[in-house]
Structure formats: structure tokens, C-alpha cells
């Protein structure tokens, strides 16, 4: 992950793909580079040579498919996620749930 100020979205995308990355997505704040596990070190090294040290370069779990869930299911999953995040032994919690903005807003308001 690189700050957006390091390079334009096009320049970062081109360099990332040339280095072996699968994808590069950019927003106003950051460039997010996705790569296969076995290519992480090579891509990181190539991008660091061109743009300097990355703000973050780590393995993360990313779902291949998202599962759309309803309000009741989302409420249950959110309670589970909250409980897991409160556990000192848990470092990161990731889900593949796809919740509509309306449902998420309602759940956050109920909080």
C-alpha cells in the first residue's frame, strides 16, 4: 500500500503489473496492490526500488466471492465480528459478507 502522493494511479498500476502484481486499485489516499502469495516479495522489491518503501506490505485474506446477506444475518455476523475483535488473541477479522448500504446504516444506528 502506497500513499497516493507517491505516483499517479496510471504510473503505479503500470509499475505494479510490470512487477507481477495481479491488480492495482487507487483512491484519493492510497494505491492498493494485489498479488499472488508467491509474488509478494518480488512485487514489493520492484515497487520499492521505483517508489521507495511501501507504507504497508503484508499478506491479507481477501475473499474470492462475496455473499449477500439480509438484515438478520448481518446483525448476527456483526455481533460475531465484534466479539472476535474484542478477543486479545485475535489480530484481524475479515468477512466475505456483502451488506447493502441501507442495512448497514440501520445496523449502525441500532448500534
C-alpha atoms as a PDB file:
ATOM      1  CA  UNK A   1       0.000   0.000   0.000  1.00  0.00           C
ATOM      2  CA  UNK A   2       1.431   3.313  -1.116  1.00  0.00           C
ATOM      3  CA  UNK A   3       0.188   6.831  -0.406  1.00  0.00           C
ATOM      4  CA  UNK A   4      -1.483   8.302  -3.500  1.00  0.00           C
ATOM      5  CA  UNK A   5       1.039  11.151  -3.472  1.00  0.00           C
ATOM      6  CA  UNK A   6       3.870   8.739  -4.393  1.00  0.00           C
ATOM      7  CA  UNK A   7       2.693   8.332  -8.003  1.00  0.00           C
ATOM      8  CA  UNK A   8      -0.264   8.740 -10.310  1.00  0.00           C
ATOM      9  CA  UNK A   9      -2.760   5.882 -10.459  1.00  0.00           C
ATOM     10  CA  UNK A  10      -1.629   5.047 -14.004  1.00  0.00           C
ATOM     11  CA  UNK A  11       2.073   5.047 -13.110  1.00  0.00           C
ATOM     12  CA  UNK A  12       1.501   2.848 -10.058  1.00  0.00           C
ATOM     13  CA  UNK A  13      -0.736   0.446 -11.995  1.00  0.00           C
ATOM     14  CA  UNK A  14       1.795   0.108 -14.804  1.00  0.00           C
ATOM     15  CA  UNK A  15       4.721  -0.455 -12.434  1.00  0.00           C
ATOM     16  CA  UNK A  16       2.755  -2.946 -10.328  1.00  0.00           C
ATOM     17  CA  UNK A  17       1.640  -5.029 -13.314  1.00  0.00           C
ATOM     18  CA  UNK A  18       5.161  -4.973 -14.780  1.00  0.00           C
ATOM     19  CA  UNK A  19       6.449  -6.242 -11.420  1.00  0.00           C
ATOM     20  CA  UNK A  20       3.998  -9.164 -11.482  1.00  0.00           C
ATOM     21  CA  UNK A  21       1.050  -7.832  -9.486  1.00  0.00           C
ATOM     22  CA  UNK A  22      -2.450  -9.059 -10.260  1.00  0.00           C
ATOM     23  CA  UNK A  23      -4.091  -5.660  -9.795  1.00  0.00           C
ATOM     24  CA  UNK A  24      -3.660  -2.129  -8.509  1.00  0.00           C
ATOM     25  CA  UNK A  25      -6.585  -0.036  -7.317  1.00  0.00           C
ATOM     26  CA  UNK A  26      -6.240   3.588  -6.318  1.00  0.00           C
ATOM     27  CA  UNK A  27      -8.366   6.088  -4.430  1.00  0.00           C
ATOM     28  CA  UNK A  28      -7.726   9.615  -3.174  1.00  0.00           C
ATOM     29  CA  UNK A  29      -5.483   8.398  -0.353  1.00  0.00           C
ATOM     30  CA  UNK A  30      -3.763   5.155  -1.375  1.00  0.00           C
ATOM     31  CA  UNK A  31      -2.712   2.712  -4.078  1.00  0.00           C
ATOM     32  CA  UNK A  32      -3.639  -0.882  -3.151  1.00  0.00           C
ATOM     33  CA  UNK A  33      -1.631  -3.558  -4.918  1.00  0.00           C
ATOM     34  CA  UNK A  34      -2.844  -7.162  -5.050  1.00  0.00           C
ATOM     35  CA  UNK A  35      -0.520 -10.026  -5.893  1.00  0.00           C
ATOM     36  CA  UNK A  36      -0.290 -13.780  -5.579  1.00  0.00           C
ATOM     37  CA  UNK A  37       1.371 -15.076  -2.428  1.00  0.00           C
ATOM     38  CA  UNK A  38       4.429 -16.338  -4.273  1.00  0.00           C
ATOM     39  CA  UNK A  39       4.944 -12.947  -5.978  1.00  0.00           C
ATOM     40  CA  UNK A  40       4.663 -10.730  -2.882  1.00  0.00           C
ATOM     41  CA  UNK A  41       8.399 -10.307  -2.266  1.00  0.00           C
ATOM     42  CA  UNK A  42       9.224  -9.727  -5.949  1.00  0.00           C
ATOM     43  CA  UNK A  43       6.469  -7.144  -6.410  1.00  0.00           C
ATOM     44  CA  UNK A  44       7.317  -5.402  -3.133  1.00  0.00           C
ATOM     45  CA  UNK A  45      11.010  -5.195  -4.034  1.00  0.00           C
ATOM     46  CA  UNK A  46      10.362  -3.893  -7.561  1.00  0.00           C
ATOM     47  CA  UNK A  47       7.942  -1.219  -6.353  1.00  0.00           C
ATOM     48  CA  UNK A  48      10.234  -0.172  -3.502  1.00  0.00           C
ATOM     49  CA  UNK A  49      13.069   0.244  -5.984  1.00  0.00           C
ATOM     50  CA  UNK A  50      10.907   2.564  -8.078  1.00  0.00           C
ATOM     51  CA  UNK A  51       8.791   4.393  -5.451  1.00  0.00           C
ATOM     52  CA  UNK A  52      10.571   3.868  -2.143  1.00  0.00           C
ATOM     53  CA  UNK A  53       9.378   1.893   0.849  1.00  0.00           C
ATOM     54  CA  UNK A  54       5.704   0.946   0.937  1.00  0.00           C
ATOM     55  CA  UNK A  55       3.578   2.137   3.830  1.00  0.00           C
ATOM     56  CA  UNK A  56       2.384  -1.440   4.242  1.00  0.00           C
ATOM     57  CA  UNK A  57       3.299  -4.720   2.521  1.00  0.00           C
ATOM     58  CA  UNK A  58       1.663  -7.728   4.108  1.00  0.00           C
ATOM     59  CA  UNK A  59      -0.356 -10.834   3.463  1.00  0.00           C
ATOM     60  CA  UNK A  60      -4.085 -10.411   3.919  1.00  0.00           C
ATOM     61  CA  UNK A  61      -7.015 -12.738   3.411  1.00  0.00           C
ATOM     62  CA  UNK A  62      -9.239 -11.497   0.629  1.00  0.00           C
ATOM     63  CA  UNK A  63     -12.387 -13.418  -0.362  1.00  0.00           C
ATOM     64  CA  UNK A  64     -12.792 -14.617  -3.939  1.00  0.00           C
ATOM     65  CA  UNK A  65     -16.559 -14.200  -3.775  1.00  0.00           C
ATOM     66  CA  UNK A  66     -18.827 -12.093  -1.615  1.00  0.00           C
ATOM     67  CA  UNK A  67     -22.014 -13.454  -0.015  1.00  0.00           C
ATOM     68  CA  UNK A  68     -25.019 -11.167   0.034  1.00  0.00           C
ATOM     69  CA  UNK A  69     -26.815 -11.387   3.370  1.00  0.00           C
ATOM     70  CA  UNK A  70     -30.038  -9.952   4.762  1.00  0.00           C
ATOM     71  CA  UNK A  71     -30.530  -7.728   7.804  1.00  0.00           C
ATOM     72  CA  UNK A  72     -30.976 -10.562  10.326  1.00  0.00           C
ATOM     73  CA  UNK A  73     -27.904 -12.384   9.048  1.00  0.00           C
ATOM     74  CA  UNK A  74     -25.887  -9.164   9.020  1.00  0.00           C
ATOM     75  CA  UNK A  75     -26.858  -8.439  12.622  1.00  0.00           C
ATOM     76  CA  UNK A  76     -25.695 -11.897  13.698  1.00  0.00           C
ATOM     77  CA  UNK A  77     -22.430 -11.663  11.758  1.00  0.00           C
ATOM     78  CA  UNK A  78     -21.707  -8.176  13.136  1.00  0.00           C
ATOM     79  CA  UNK A  79     -22.160  -9.455  16.702  1.00  0.00           C
ATOM     80  CA  UNK A  80     -19.726 -12.289  15.964  1.00  0.00           C
ATOM     81  CA  UNK A  81     -17.205  -9.910  14.387  1.00  0.00           C
ATOM     82  CA  UNK A  82     -17.440  -7.564  17.389  1.00  0.00           C
ATOM     83  CA  UNK A  83     -16.886 -10.467  19.797  1.00  0.00           C
ATOM     84  CA  UNK A  84     -13.886 -11.711  17.823  1.00  0.00           C
ATOM     85  CA  UNK A  85     -12.352  -8.232  17.604  1.00  0.00           C
ATOM     86  CA  UNK A  86     -12.685  -7.869  21.387  1.00  0.00           C
ATOM     87  CA  UNK A  87     -10.603 -11.026  21.925  1.00  0.00           C
ATOM     88  CA  UNK A  88      -6.968 -10.105  22.678  1.00  0.00           C
ATOM     89  CA  UNK A  89      -5.730 -13.209  20.838  1.00  0.00           C
ATOM     90  CA  UNK A  90      -7.399 -12.194  17.556  1.00  0.00           C
ATOM     91  CA  UNK A  91      -5.325  -9.928  15.324  1.00  0.00           C
ATOM     92  CA  UNK A  92      -7.570  -9.404  12.293  1.00  0.00           C
ATOM     93  CA  UNK A  93     -11.165 -10.288  11.433  1.00  0.00           C
ATOM     94  CA  UNK A  94     -12.208 -10.467   7.787  1.00  0.00           C
ATOM     95  CA  UNK A  95     -15.537 -11.450   6.264  1.00  0.00           C
ATOM     96  CA  UNK A  96     -16.941 -12.070   2.830  1.00  0.00           C
ATOM     97  CA  UNK A  97     -20.355 -10.611   3.656  1.00  0.00           C
ATOM     98  CA  UNK A  98     -21.961  -8.211   1.232  1.00  0.00           C
ATOM     99  CA  UNK A  99     -24.420  -5.947   3.039  1.00  0.00           C
ATOM    100  CA  UNK A 100     -26.432  -3.196   1.373  1.00  0.00           C
ATOM    101  CA  UNK A 101     -25.699   0.367   2.469  1.00  0.00           C
ATOM    102  CA  UNK A 102     -29.255   0.719   3.783  1.00  0.00           C
ATOM    103  CA  UNK A 103     -28.966  -2.358   6.001  1.00  0.00           C
ATOM    104  CA  UNK A 104     -25.533  -1.308   7.255  1.00  0.00           C
ATOM    105  CA  UNK A 105     -26.783   2.189   8.123  1.00  0.00           C
ATOM    106  CA  UNK A 106     -29.726   0.691  10.013  1.00  0.00           C
ATOM    107  CA  UNK A 107     -27.464  -1.672  11.958  1.00  0.00           C
ATOM    108  CA  UNK A 108     -25.032   1.122  12.815  1.00  0.00           C
ATOM    109  CA  UNK A 109     -27.895   3.323  14.044  1.00  0.00           C
ATOM    110  CA  UNK A 110     -29.137   0.491  16.275  1.00  0.00           C
ATOM    111  CA  UNK A 111     -25.568   0.111  17.413  1.00  0.00           C
END
